[in-house]
Amino acid sequence: MNKRYASSGIGIVILYFLSVAAFLVTGKSLVLTVWEIMTMVSAPATLFLLVRFCDCAAASRVYRDLMLTFMACACTLTCAAHIVNISVTRRLLEQGAEVPTYFQIGMWPSVEMAIDYLAWGFFVGLAFAAVALSIDRADSKLRGIRITFFVNATLCLTGFLGAFLLHENLWYLAPLGYGIGFVVFCIQWLRLP
């Protein structure tokens, strides 16, 4: 059963990045909607997979619950940002309304982007750190996964802080953590006995 969960995690990340690539290539509004829906689906899917992993790994209950709290915040924030963008901002733009860039997703500085960065950089980063801390240090078969989660947490949090404090392009460290790094975790999980 764990192999099915790990495989589904890889599949979700692949679908997410395919939707991103499809939008970058086409620039179509419908494809942007698919990308935003994939973003909203990815957050609770990540939460579910992290809960399954923590349960299978006999993780510390305190850190598991912290991860749950942080991921719940990430789910709530990212869904709010993308629902507002799909149902309000983009509709206003389609109607010809003058929507300031600071209310548009994909622009920086922007209210919607700040909320999304908070979700995927800060709260997902904290959730990954909690998962790493939940794994028993003495468990040698999970040592690699523990290190992966620390690296992923560092990338997410550095991307978040870097975007706010130094330069927006530092944000791209975060997708390495929650995207590529999450695939690395899923591959490691897949290879567990």
N, C-alpha and C. Protein backbone atom coordinates (compact mmCIF):
# COMPACT_ATOMS: atom_id res chain seq x y z
N MET A 1 0.82 -1.20 0.00
CA MET A 1 0.00 0.00 0.00
C MET A 1 0.87 1.26 0.00
N ASN A 2 1.98 1.26 0.77
CA ASN A 2 2.85 2.44 0.82
C ASN A 2 3.44 2.76 -0.55
N LYS A 3 3.72 1.72 -1.33
CA LYS A 3 4.27 1.94 -2.67
C LYS A 3 3.25 2.68 -3.54
N ARG A 4 1.97 2.38 -3.35
CA ARG A 4 0.92 3.07 -4.10
C ARG A 4 0.87 4.55 -3.71
N TYR A 5 0.99 4.82 -2.42
CA TYR A 5 0.99 6.22 -1.97
C TYR A 5 2.20 6.97 -2.52
N ALA A 6 3.38 6.36 -2.43
CA ALA A 6 4.59 7.00 -2.94
C ALA A 6 4.47 7.25 -4.44
N SER A 7 3.95 6.28 -5.17
CA SER A 7 3.78 6.44 -6.62
C SER A 7 2.79 7.56 -6.94
N SER A 8 1.73 7.66 -6.15
CA SER A 8 0.75 8.72 -6.40
C SER A 8 1.36 10.10 -6.13
N GLY A 9 2.25 10.19 -5.16
CA GLY A 9 2.95 11.45 -4.89
C GLY A 9 3.79 11.87 -6.08
N ILE A 10 4.50 10.93 -6.67
CA ILE A 10 5.30 11.23 -7.86
C ILE A 10 4.38 11.68 -8.99
N GLY A 11 3.27 10.98 -9.17
CA GLY A 11 2.32 11.32 -10.23
C GLY A 11 1.74 12.71 -10.07
N ILE A 12 1.40 13.09 -8.85
CA ILE A 12 0.83 14.42 -8.59
C ILE A 12 1.83 15.51 -8.93
N VAL A 13 3.09 15.32 -8.54
CA VAL A 13 4.11 16.34 -8.83
C VAL A 13 4.33 16.43 -10.34
N ILE A 14 4.36 15.29 -11.02
CA ILE A 14 4.54 15.31 -12.48
C ILE A 14 3.38 16.05 -13.14
N LEU A 15 2.15 15.75 -12.74
CA LEU A 15 0.99 16.44 -13.31
C LEU A 15 1.03 17.94 -13.03
N TYR A 16 1.46 18.29 -11.83
CA TYR A 16 1.57 19.71 -11.48
C TYR A 16 2.55 20.41 -12.42
N PHE A 17 3.75 19.84 -12.57
CA PHE A 17 4.75 20.50 -13.41
C PHE A 17 4.37 20.46 -14.88
N LEU A 18 3.63 19.45 -15.32
CA LEU A 18 3.12 19.43 -16.69
C LEU A 18 2.13 20.57 -16.91
N SER A 19 1.29 20.83 -15.89
CA SER A 19 0.33 21.94 -16.03
C SER A 19 1.05 23.29 -16.06
N VAL A 20 2.13 23.42 -15.28
CA VAL A 20 2.93 24.64 -15.31
C VAL A 20 3.55 24.82 -16.70
N ALA A 21 4.16 23.75 -17.20
CA ALA A 21 4.81 23.82 -18.52
C ALA A 21 3.80 24.12 -19.61
N ALA A 22 2.63 23.49 -19.53
CA ALA A 22 1.59 23.72 -20.54
C ALA A 22 1.17 25.19 -20.55
N PHE A 23 1.05 25.79 -19.38
CA PHE A 23 0.68 27.22 -19.34
C PHE A 23 1.80 28.09 -19.90
N LEU A 24 3.04 27.79 -19.52
CA LEU A 24 4.16 28.60 -20.01
C LEU A 24 4.27 28.52 -21.53
N VAL A 25 3.92 27.38 -22.11
CA VAL A 25 3.99 27.21 -23.57
C VAL A 25 2.80 27.87 -24.26
N THR A 26 1.60 27.68 -23.72
CA THR A 26 0.39 28.15 -24.41
C THR A 26 -0.06 29.54 -23.97
N GLY A 27 0.09 29.85 -22.68
CA GLY A 27 -0.40 31.12 -22.15
C GLY A 27 -1.91 31.22 -22.12
N LYS A 28 -2.61 30.11 -22.29
CA LYS A 28 -4.08 30.11 -22.38
C LYS A 28 -4.71 30.18 -20.98
N SER A 29 -5.83 30.89 -20.91
CA SER A 29 -6.56 31.06 -19.65
C SER A 29 -7.04 29.72 -19.09
N LEU A 30 -7.52 28.85 -19.96
CA LEU A 30 -8.01 27.53 -19.51
C LEU A 30 -6.88 26.73 -18.88
N VAL A 31 -5.70 26.79 -19.48
CA VAL A 31 -4.55 26.05 -18.96
C VAL A 31 -4.11 26.64 -17.62
N LEU A 32 -4.20 27.97 -17.48
CA LEU A 32 -3.90 28.60 -16.20
C LEU A 32 -4.86 28.10 -15.12
N THR A 33 -6.13 27.95 -15.49
CA THR A 33 -7.12 27.42 -14.54
C THR A 33 -6.75 26.01 -14.11
N VAL A 34 -6.32 25.18 -15.08
CA VAL A 34 -5.89 23.81 -14.75
C VAL A 34 -4.71 23.85 -13.80
N TRP A 35 -3.74 24.73 -14.07
CA TRP A 35 -2.58 24.87 -13.19
C TRP A 35 -3.02 25.27 -11.79
N GLU A 36 -3.92 26.23 -11.70
CA GLU A 36 -4.37 26.67 -10.38
C GLU A 36 -5.15 25.57 -9.65
N ILE A 37 -5.94 24.81 -10.38
CA ILE A 37 -6.65 23.69 -9.76
C ILE A 37 -5.66 22.63 -9.29
N MET A 38 -4.64 22.36 -10.10
CA MET A 38 -3.60 21.40 -9.68
C MET A 38 -2.89 21.89 -8.42
N THR A 39 -2.68 23.19 -8.31
CA THR A 39 -2.06 23.74 -7.10
C THR A 39 -2.96 23.49 -5.89
N MET A 40 -4.26 23.74 -6.07
CA MET A 40 -5.19 23.54 -4.95
C MET A 40 -5.34 22.06 -4.60
N VAL A 41 -5.24 21.17 -5.55
CA VAL A 41 -5.32 19.73 -5.29
C VAL A 41 -4.03 19.23 -4.64
N SER A 42 -2.90 19.81 -5.06
CA SER A 42 -1.60 19.36 -4.57
C SER A 42 -1.43 19.55 -3.07
N ALA A 43 -1.96 20.62 -2.53
CA ALA A 43 -1.76 20.89 -1.10
C ALA A 43 -2.41 19.82 -0.22
N PRO A 44 -3.72 19.53 -0.38
CA PRO A 44 -4.28 18.47 0.46
C PRO A 44 -3.71 17.09 0.13
N ALA A 45 -3.32 16.87 -1.12
CA ALA A 45 -2.69 15.58 -1.47
C ALA A 45 -1.36 15.43 -0.74
N THR A 46 -0.60 16.52 -0.67
CA THR A 46 0.67 16.50 0.07
C THR A 46 0.40 16.22 1.54
N LEU A 47 -0.58 16.89 2.10
CA LEU A 47 -0.95 16.67 3.51
C LEU A 47 -1.28 15.20 3.73
N PHE A 48 -2.13 14.64 2.88
CA PHE A 48 -2.54 13.24 3.03
C PHE A 48 -1.32 12.30 2.97
N LEU A 49 -0.44 12.53 1.99
CA LEU A 49 0.73 11.65 1.85
C LEU A 49 1.68 11.78 3.03
N LEU A 50 1.83 13.00 3.55
CA LEU A 50 2.69 13.17 4.72
C LEU A 50 2.11 12.48 5.95
N VAL A 51 0.80 12.55 6.11
CA VAL A 51 0.15 11.84 7.23
C VAL A 51 0.36 10.34 7.09
N ARG A 52 0.16 9.81 5.88
CA ARG A 52 0.36 8.37 5.64
C ARG A 52 1.79 7.97 5.94
N PHE A 53 2.73 8.78 5.48
CA PHE A 53 4.13 8.45 5.74
C PHE A 53 4.42 8.45 7.23
N CYS A 54 3.99 9.51 7.93
CA CYS A 54 4.24 9.59 9.38
C CYS A 54 3.63 8.41 10.12
N ASP A 55 2.44 8.00 9.70
CA ASP A 55 1.79 6.85 10.34
C ASP A 55 2.58 5.57 10.08
N CYS A 56 3.06 5.40 8.85
CA CYS A 56 3.82 4.19 8.50
C CYS A 56 5.19 4.17 9.16
N ALA A 57 5.77 5.35 9.35
CA ALA A 57 7.12 5.45 9.91
C ALA A 57 7.11 5.50 11.43
N ALA A 58 5.93 5.36 12.03
CA ALA A 58 5.80 5.45 13.49
C ALA A 58 6.45 6.74 14.00
N ALA A 59 6.12 7.83 13.34
CA ALA A 59 6.71 9.13 13.66
C ALA A 59 6.22 9.64 15.01
N SER A 60 7.00 10.54 15.58
CA SER A 60 6.62 11.19 16.83
C SER A 60 5.28 11.88 16.66
N ARG A 61 4.37 11.63 17.57
CA ARG A 61 3.01 12.17 17.48
C ARG A 61 2.98 13.69 17.54
N VAL A 62 3.83 14.27 18.38
CA VAL A 62 3.86 15.72 18.54
C VAL A 62 4.25 16.39 17.22
N TYR A 63 5.33 15.91 16.61
CA TYR A 63 5.77 16.50 15.35
C TYR A 63 4.82 16.19 14.20
N ARG A 64 4.20 15.02 14.24
CA ARG A 64 3.19 14.68 13.23
C ARG A 64 2.04 15.68 13.31
N ASP A 65 1.60 15.98 14.52
CA ASP A 65 0.50 16.93 14.69
C ASP A 65 0.91 18.35 14.29
N LEU A 66 2.17 18.72 14.55
CA LEU A 66 2.66 20.02 14.08
C LEU A 66 2.63 20.08 12.56
N MET A 67 3.09 19.00 11.91
CA MET A 67 3.06 18.94 10.45
C MET A 67 1.63 19.12 9.95
N LEU A 68 0.70 18.43 10.60
CA LEU A 68 -0.71 18.53 10.21
C LEU A 68 -1.20 19.97 10.31
N THR A 69 -0.84 20.65 11.37
CA THR A 69 -1.24 22.04 11.56
C THR A 69 -0.65 22.93 10.48
N PHE A 70 0.66 22.78 10.23
CA PHE A 70 1.31 23.61 9.21
C PHE A 70 0.75 23.34 7.82
N MET A 71 0.50 22.08 7.49
CA MET A 71 -0.05 21.75 6.17
C MET A 71 -1.50 22.21 6.05
N ALA A 72 -2.25 22.19 7.14
CA ALA A 72 -3.62 22.72 7.09
C ALA A 72 -3.59 24.21 6.78
N CYS A 73 -2.62 24.93 7.36
CA CYS A 73 -2.47 26.36 7.04
C CYS A 73 -2.11 26.54 5.57
N ALA A 74 -1.20 25.71 5.07
CA ALA A 74 -0.79 25.81 3.66
C ALA A 74 -1.97 25.55 2.73
N CYS A 75 -2.75 24.52 3.04
CA CYS A 75 -3.93 24.19 2.22
C CYS A 75 -4.92 25.35 2.19
N THR A 76 -5.20 25.88 3.35
CA THR A 76 -6.16 26.98 3.45
C THR A 76 -5.70 28.21 2.68
N LEU A 77 -4.45 28.59 2.88
CA LEU A 77 -3.93 29.79 2.23
C LEU A 77 -3.84 29.65 0.71
N THR A 78 -3.30 28.52 0.24
CA THR A 78 -3.15 28.38 -1.21
C THR A 78 -4.51 28.28 -1.90
N CYS A 79 -5.45 27.59 -1.28
CA CYS A 79 -6.79 27.52 -1.87
C CYS A 79 -7.45 28.90 -1.89
N ALA A 80 -7.28 29.66 -0.83
CA ALA A 80 -7.85 31.01 -0.79
C ALA A 80 -7.26 31.88 -1.90
N ALA A 81 -5.95 31.86 -2.05
CA ALA A 81 -5.30 32.69 -3.08
C ALA A 81 -5.78 32.32 -4.48
N HIS A 82 -5.86 31.03 -4.77
CA HIS A 82 -6.22 30.61 -6.12
C HIS A 82 -7.72 30.72 -6.40
N ILE A 83 -8.53 30.50 -5.40
CA ILE A 83 -9.98 30.69 -5.60
C ILE A 83 -10.28 32.16 -5.86
N VAL A 84 -9.62 33.05 -5.11
CA VAL A 84 -9.81 34.49 -5.34
C VAL A 84 -9.34 34.85 -6.75
N ASN A 85 -8.21 34.29 -7.16
CA ASN A 85 -7.70 34.62 -8.49
C ASN A 85 -8.64 34.12 -9.60
N ILE A 86 -9.11 32.88 -9.47
CA ILE A 86 -9.99 32.30 -10.50
C ILE A 86 -11.34 33.01 -10.53
N SER A 87 -11.92 33.19 -9.35
CA SER A 87 -13.32 33.65 -9.31
C SER A 87 -13.48 35.17 -9.27
N VAL A 88 -12.44 35.90 -8.88
CA VAL A 88 -12.58 37.36 -8.78
C VAL A 88 -11.61 38.08 -9.73
N THR A 89 -10.33 37.95 -9.46
CA THR A 89 -9.34 38.74 -10.19
C THR A 89 -9.40 38.49 -11.69
N ARG A 90 -9.36 37.24 -12.10
CA ARG A 90 -9.35 36.95 -13.54
C ARG A 90 -10.66 37.35 -14.20
N ARG A 91 -11.77 37.21 -13.50
CA ARG A 91 -13.06 37.63 -14.07
C ARG A 91 -13.12 39.14 -14.25
N LEU A 92 -12.59 39.86 -13.27
CA LEU A 92 -12.55 41.31 -13.40
C LEU A 92 -11.68 41.73 -14.58
N LEU A 93 -10.54 41.06 -14.74
CA LEU A 93 -9.65 41.37 -15.86
C LEU A 93 -10.34 41.08 -17.20
N GLU A 94 -11.06 39.95 -17.26
CA GLU A 94 -11.78 39.58 -18.50
C GLU A 94 -12.87 40.59 -18.83
N GLN A 95 -13.44 41.21 -17.79
CA GLN A 95 -14.49 42.22 -18.01
C GLN A 95 -13.91 43.59 -18.32
N GLY A 96 -12.58 43.67 -18.36
CA GLY A 96 -11.94 44.93 -18.70
C GLY A 96 -11.68 45.84 -17.52
N ALA A 97 -11.89 45.35 -16.32
CA ALA A 97 -11.65 46.17 -15.13
C ALA A 97 -10.15 46.40 -14.94
N GLU A 98 -9.83 47.54 -14.38
CA GLU A 98 -8.44 47.87 -14.06
C GLU A 98 -8.10 47.27 -12.70
N VAL A 99 -7.49 46.10 -12.70
CA VAL A 99 -7.09 45.46 -11.45
C VAL A 99 -5.61 45.75 -11.24
N PRO A 100 -5.28 46.41 -10.14
CA PRO A 100 -3.87 46.72 -9.88
C PRO A 100 -3.03 45.44 -9.83
N THR A 101 -1.79 45.53 -10.26
CA THR A 101 -0.92 44.34 -10.28
C THR A 101 -0.71 43.77 -8.88
N TYR A 102 -0.84 44.61 -7.86
CA TYR A 102 -0.64 44.08 -6.51
C TYR A 102 -1.82 43.23 -6.03
N PHE A 103 -2.84 43.04 -6.88
CA PHE A 103 -3.92 42.10 -6.59
C PHE A 103 -3.95 40.95 -7.60
N GLN A 104 -2.89 40.80 -8.39
CA GLN A 104 -2.87 39.76 -9.41
C GLN A 104 -1.85 38.69 -9.06
N ILE A 105 -2.25 37.43 -9.26
CA ILE A 105 -1.32 36.33 -9.05
C ILE A 105 -0.34 36.33 -10.21
N GLY A 106 0.89 35.99 -9.93
CA GLY A 106 1.92 36.00 -10.96
C GLY A 106 2.68 37.30 -11.02
N MET A 107 2.25 38.30 -10.29
CA MET A 107 2.93 39.59 -10.25
C MET A 107 3.59 39.74 -8.87
N TRP A 108 4.62 40.55 -8.81
CA TRP A 108 5.27 40.79 -7.52
C TRP A 108 5.66 42.25 -7.42
N PRO A 109 5.40 42.90 -6.32
CA PRO A 109 4.70 42.41 -5.14
C PRO A 109 3.20 42.32 -5.39
N SER A 110 2.59 41.32 -4.79
CA SER A 110 1.17 41.06 -4.98
C SER A 110 0.61 40.38 -3.73
N VAL A 111 -0.59 40.77 -3.36
CA VAL A 111 -1.25 40.17 -2.19
C VAL A 111 -1.42 38.67 -2.40
N GLU A 112 -1.93 38.28 -3.57
CA GLU A 112 -2.18 36.86 -3.83
C GLU A 112 -0.88 36.05 -3.85
N MET A 113 0.17 36.61 -4.42
CA MET A 113 1.45 35.89 -4.43
C MET A 113 2.04 35.79 -3.03
N ALA A 114 1.90 36.84 -2.23
CA ALA A 114 2.41 36.79 -0.86
C ALA A 114 1.71 35.69 -0.08
N ILE A 115 0.41 35.53 -0.28
CA ILE A 115 -0.35 34.48 0.41
C ILE A 115 0.12 33.11 -0.07
N ASP A 116 0.32 32.96 -1.39
CA ASP A 116 0.78 31.68 -1.93
C ASP A 116 2.21 31.36 -1.47
N TYR A 117 3.07 32.38 -1.43
CA TYR A 117 4.43 32.17 -0.93
C TYR A 117 4.41 31.77 0.55
N LEU A 118 3.53 32.39 1.30
CA LEU A 118 3.39 32.03 2.71
C LEU A 118 2.98 30.57 2.85
N ALA A 119 2.05 30.14 2.00
CA ALA A 119 1.58 28.75 2.04
C ALA A 119 2.69 27.77 1.70
N TRP A 120 3.28 27.93 0.49
CA TRP A 120 4.21 26.93 -0.04
C TRP A 120 5.64 27.10 0.45
N GLY A 121 6.03 28.29 0.83
CA GLY A 121 7.38 28.50 1.34
C GLY A 121 7.44 28.32 2.85
N PHE A 122 6.67 29.14 3.55
CA PHE A 122 6.74 29.14 5.01
C PHE A 122 6.08 27.90 5.64
N PHE A 123 4.79 27.70 5.37
CA PHE A 123 4.09 26.62 6.07
C PHE A 123 4.47 25.23 5.57
N VAL A 124 4.67 25.06 4.27
CA VAL A 124 5.14 23.75 3.80
C VAL A 124 6.56 23.50 4.30
N GLY A 125 7.39 24.54 4.31
CA GLY A 125 8.73 24.39 4.87
C GLY A 125 8.70 23.94 6.32
N LEU A 126 7.84 24.56 7.12
CA LEU A 126 7.71 24.14 8.53
C LEU A 126 7.15 22.72 8.64
N ALA A 127 6.22 22.37 7.76
CA ALA A 127 5.67 21.01 7.77
C ALA A 127 6.76 19.98 7.46
N PHE A 128 7.60 20.28 6.47
CA PHE A 128 8.70 19.36 6.13
C PHE A 128 9.69 19.24 7.29
N ALA A 129 9.97 20.36 7.96
CA ALA A 129 10.87 20.31 9.11
C ALA A 129 10.26 19.45 10.22
N ALA A 130 8.95 19.57 10.42
CA ALA A 130 8.29 18.76 11.45
C ALA A 130 8.36 17.28 11.11
N VAL A 131 8.19 16.93 9.82
CA VAL A 131 8.31 15.52 9.43
C VAL A 131 9.72 15.03 9.70
N ALA A 132 10.72 15.82 9.33
CA ALA A 132 12.11 15.43 9.58
C ALA A 132 12.35 15.19 11.06
N LEU A 133 11.84 16.09 11.90
CA LEU A 133 12.02 15.94 13.34
C LEU A 133 11.21 14.78 13.92
N SER A 134 10.17 14.38 13.22
CA SER A 134 9.32 13.29 13.72
C SER A 134 9.97 11.92 13.54
N ILE A 135 10.95 11.84 12.66
CA ILE A 135 11.60 10.55 12.37
C ILE A 135 12.68 10.29 13.41
N ASP A 136 12.63 9.11 13.98
CA ASP A 136 13.60 8.71 15.00
C ASP A 136 15.01 8.71 14.40
N ARG A 137 15.93 9.43 15.03
CA ARG A 137 17.31 9.50 14.53
C ARG A 137 17.97 8.13 14.47
N ALA A 138 17.57 7.25 15.36
CA ALA A 138 18.19 5.93 15.43
C ALA A 138 17.72 5.00 14.30
N ASP A 139 16.67 5.36 13.60
CA ASP A 139 16.13 4.52 12.54
C ASP A 139 16.97 4.71 11.26
N SER A 140 17.91 3.79 11.06
CA SER A 140 18.86 3.94 9.95
C SER A 140 18.19 3.84 8.58
N LYS A 141 17.10 3.08 8.47
CA LYS A 141 16.46 2.95 7.15
C LYS A 141 15.73 4.22 6.73
N LEU A 142 15.45 5.11 7.68
CA LEU A 142 14.77 6.37 7.37
C LEU A 142 15.70 7.58 7.40
N ARG A 143 17.00 7.33 7.61
CA ARG A 143 17.96 8.45 7.71
C ARG A 143 17.97 9.30 6.44
N GLY A 144 17.96 8.67 5.29
CA GLY A 144 17.97 9.41 4.02
C GLY A 144 16.73 10.26 3.85
N ILE A 145 15.58 9.72 4.23
CA ILE A 145 14.32 10.48 4.14
C ILE A 145 14.35 11.66 5.11
N ARG A 146 14.90 11.43 6.28
CA ARG A 146 15.00 12.51 7.28
C ARG A 146 15.85 13.66 6.72
N ILE A 147 16.98 13.32 6.10
CA ILE A 147 17.85 14.34 5.51
C ILE A 147 17.13 15.05 4.37
N THR A 148 16.41 14.29 3.53
CA THR A 148 15.67 14.88 2.42
C THR A 148 14.66 15.90 2.93
N PHE A 149 13.94 15.58 4.00
CA PHE A 149 12.96 16.53 4.53
C PHE A 149 13.64 17.78 5.11
N PHE A 150 14.80 17.62 5.73
CA PHE A 150 15.51 18.81 6.21
C PHE A 150 15.95 19.69 5.04
N VAL A 151 16.45 19.07 3.98
CA VAL A 151 16.86 19.82 2.79
C VAL A 151 15.65 20.53 2.17
N ASN A 152 14.54 19.78 2.02
CA ASN A 152 13.32 20.37 1.44
C ASN A 152 12.82 21.54 2.28
N ALA A 153 12.84 21.37 3.59
CA ALA A 153 12.40 22.45 4.49
C ALA A 153 13.29 23.67 4.32
N THR A 154 14.59 23.46 4.24
CA THR A 154 15.54 24.55 4.08
C THR A 154 15.30 25.28 2.76
N LEU A 155 15.07 24.54 1.68
CA LEU A 155 14.81 25.16 0.38
C LEU A 155 13.53 25.99 0.42
N CYS A 156 12.46 25.43 0.99
CA CYS A 156 11.18 26.15 1.06
C CYS A 156 11.32 27.42 1.88
N LEU A 157 11.90 27.31 3.06
CA LEU A 157 12.01 28.47 3.95
C LEU A 157 12.98 29.52 3.40
N THR A 158 14.07 29.08 2.77
CA THR A 158 15.01 30.02 2.17
C THR A 158 14.36 30.75 1.00
N GLY A 159 13.61 30.02 0.18
CA GLY A 159 12.89 30.65 -0.94
C GLY A 159 11.89 31.67 -0.44
N PHE A 160 11.17 31.33 0.61
CA PHE A 160 10.19 32.26 1.19
C PHE A 160 10.88 33.51 1.72
N LEU A 161 11.86 33.33 2.59
CA LEU A 161 12.54 34.48 3.20
C LEU A 161 13.31 35.28 2.16
N GLY A 162 13.95 34.58 1.23
CA GLY A 162 14.72 35.26 0.20
C GLY A 162 13.86 36.16 -0.67
N ALA A 163 12.66 35.68 -1.03
CA ALA A 163 11.75 36.47 -1.87
C ALA A 163 11.32 37.75 -1.16
N PHE A 164 11.09 37.65 0.13
CA PHE A 164 10.61 38.80 0.88
C PHE A 164 11.73 39.77 1.27
N LEU A 165 12.90 39.23 1.58
CA LEU A 165 13.96 40.07 2.13
C LEU A 165 15.01 40.51 1.11
N LEU A 166 15.26 39.70 0.07
CA LEU A 166 16.36 40.01 -0.83
C LEU A 166 15.91 40.24 -2.26
N HIS A 167 15.45 39.18 -2.91
CA HIS A 167 15.05 39.30 -4.31
C HIS A 167 14.02 38.23 -4.63
N GLU A 168 13.01 38.59 -5.41
CA GLU A 168 11.91 37.67 -5.71
C GLU A 168 12.39 36.37 -6.35
N ASN A 169 13.44 36.42 -7.15
CA ASN A 169 13.89 35.21 -7.84
C ASN A 169 14.41 34.13 -6.89
N LEU A 170 14.75 34.51 -5.66
CA LEU A 170 15.14 33.50 -4.68
C LEU A 170 13.98 32.58 -4.33
N TRP A 171 12.75 33.02 -4.65
CA TRP A 171 11.57 32.18 -4.40
C TRP A 171 11.73 30.81 -5.07
N TYR A 172 12.40 30.75 -6.20
CA TYR A 172 12.47 29.51 -6.98
C TYR A 172 13.22 28.39 -6.27
N LEU A 173 13.83 28.68 -5.13
CA LEU A 173 14.39 27.62 -4.29
C LEU A 173 13.26 26.79 -3.68
N ALA A 174 12.15 27.44 -3.36
CA ALA A 174 11.03 26.74 -2.71
C ALA A 174 10.45 25.63 -3.59
N PRO A 175 10.17 25.86 -4.88
CA PRO A 175 9.66 24.76 -5.70
C PRO A 175 10.63 23.58 -5.82
N LEU A 176 11.93 23.86 -5.66
CA LEU A 176 12.88 22.74 -5.62
C LEU A 176 12.59 21.86 -4.42
N GLY A 177 12.21 22.48 -3.30
CA GLY A 177 11.91 21.72 -2.09
C GLY A 177 10.56 21.02 -2.14
N TYR A 178 9.50 21.78 -2.44
CA TYR A 178 8.17 21.15 -2.41
C TYR A 178 7.84 20.39 -3.69
N GLY A 179 8.61 20.58 -4.74
CA GLY A 179 8.36 19.87 -5.99
C GLY A 179 9.36 18.75 -6.20
N ILE A 180 10.56 19.12 -6.62
CA ILE A 180 11.61 18.13 -6.91
C ILE A 180 11.97 17.35 -5.66
N GLY A 181 12.15 18.05 -4.55
CA GLY A 181 12.50 17.37 -3.29
C GLY A 181 11.41 16.41 -2.83
N PHE A 182 10.15 16.76 -3.08
CA PHE A 182 9.06 15.86 -2.70
C PHE A 182 9.10 14.59 -3.54
N VAL A 183 9.47 14.71 -4.82
CA VAL A 183 9.63 13.52 -5.67
C VAL A 183 10.76 12.66 -5.13
N VAL A 184 11.87 13.29 -4.73
CA VAL A 184 12.98 12.53 -4.14
C VAL A 184 12.50 11.75 -2.93
N PHE A 185 11.73 12.41 -2.05
CA PHE A 185 11.17 11.71 -0.89
C PHE A 185 10.31 10.53 -1.33
N CYS A 186 9.43 10.74 -2.30
CA CYS A 186 8.54 9.67 -2.76
C CYS A 186 9.32 8.49 -3.33
N ILE A 187 10.39 8.77 -4.04
CA ILE A 187 11.24 7.69 -4.58
C ILE A 187 11.88 6.94 -3.42
N GLN A 188 12.36 7.66 -2.41
CA GLN A 188 12.95 7.01 -1.24
C GLN A 188 11.90 6.16 -0.52
N TRP A 189 10.70 6.69 -0.39
CA TRP A 189 9.61 5.97 0.28
C TRP A 189 9.26 4.72 -0.51
N LEU A 190 9.25 4.84 -1.82
CA LEU A 190 8.94 3.72 -2.71
C LEU A 190 9.94 2.58 -2.53
N ARG A 191 11.17 2.94 -2.22
CA ARG A 191 12.24 1.92 -2.12
C ARG A 191 12.33 1.27 -0.74
N LEU A 192 11.53 1.77 0.21
CA LEU A 192 11.56 1.15 1.54
C LEU A 192 10.96 -0.26 1.49
N PRO A 193 11.49 -1.16 2.31
CA PRO A 193 10.92 -2.52 2.31
C PRO A 193 9.51 -2.56 2.86
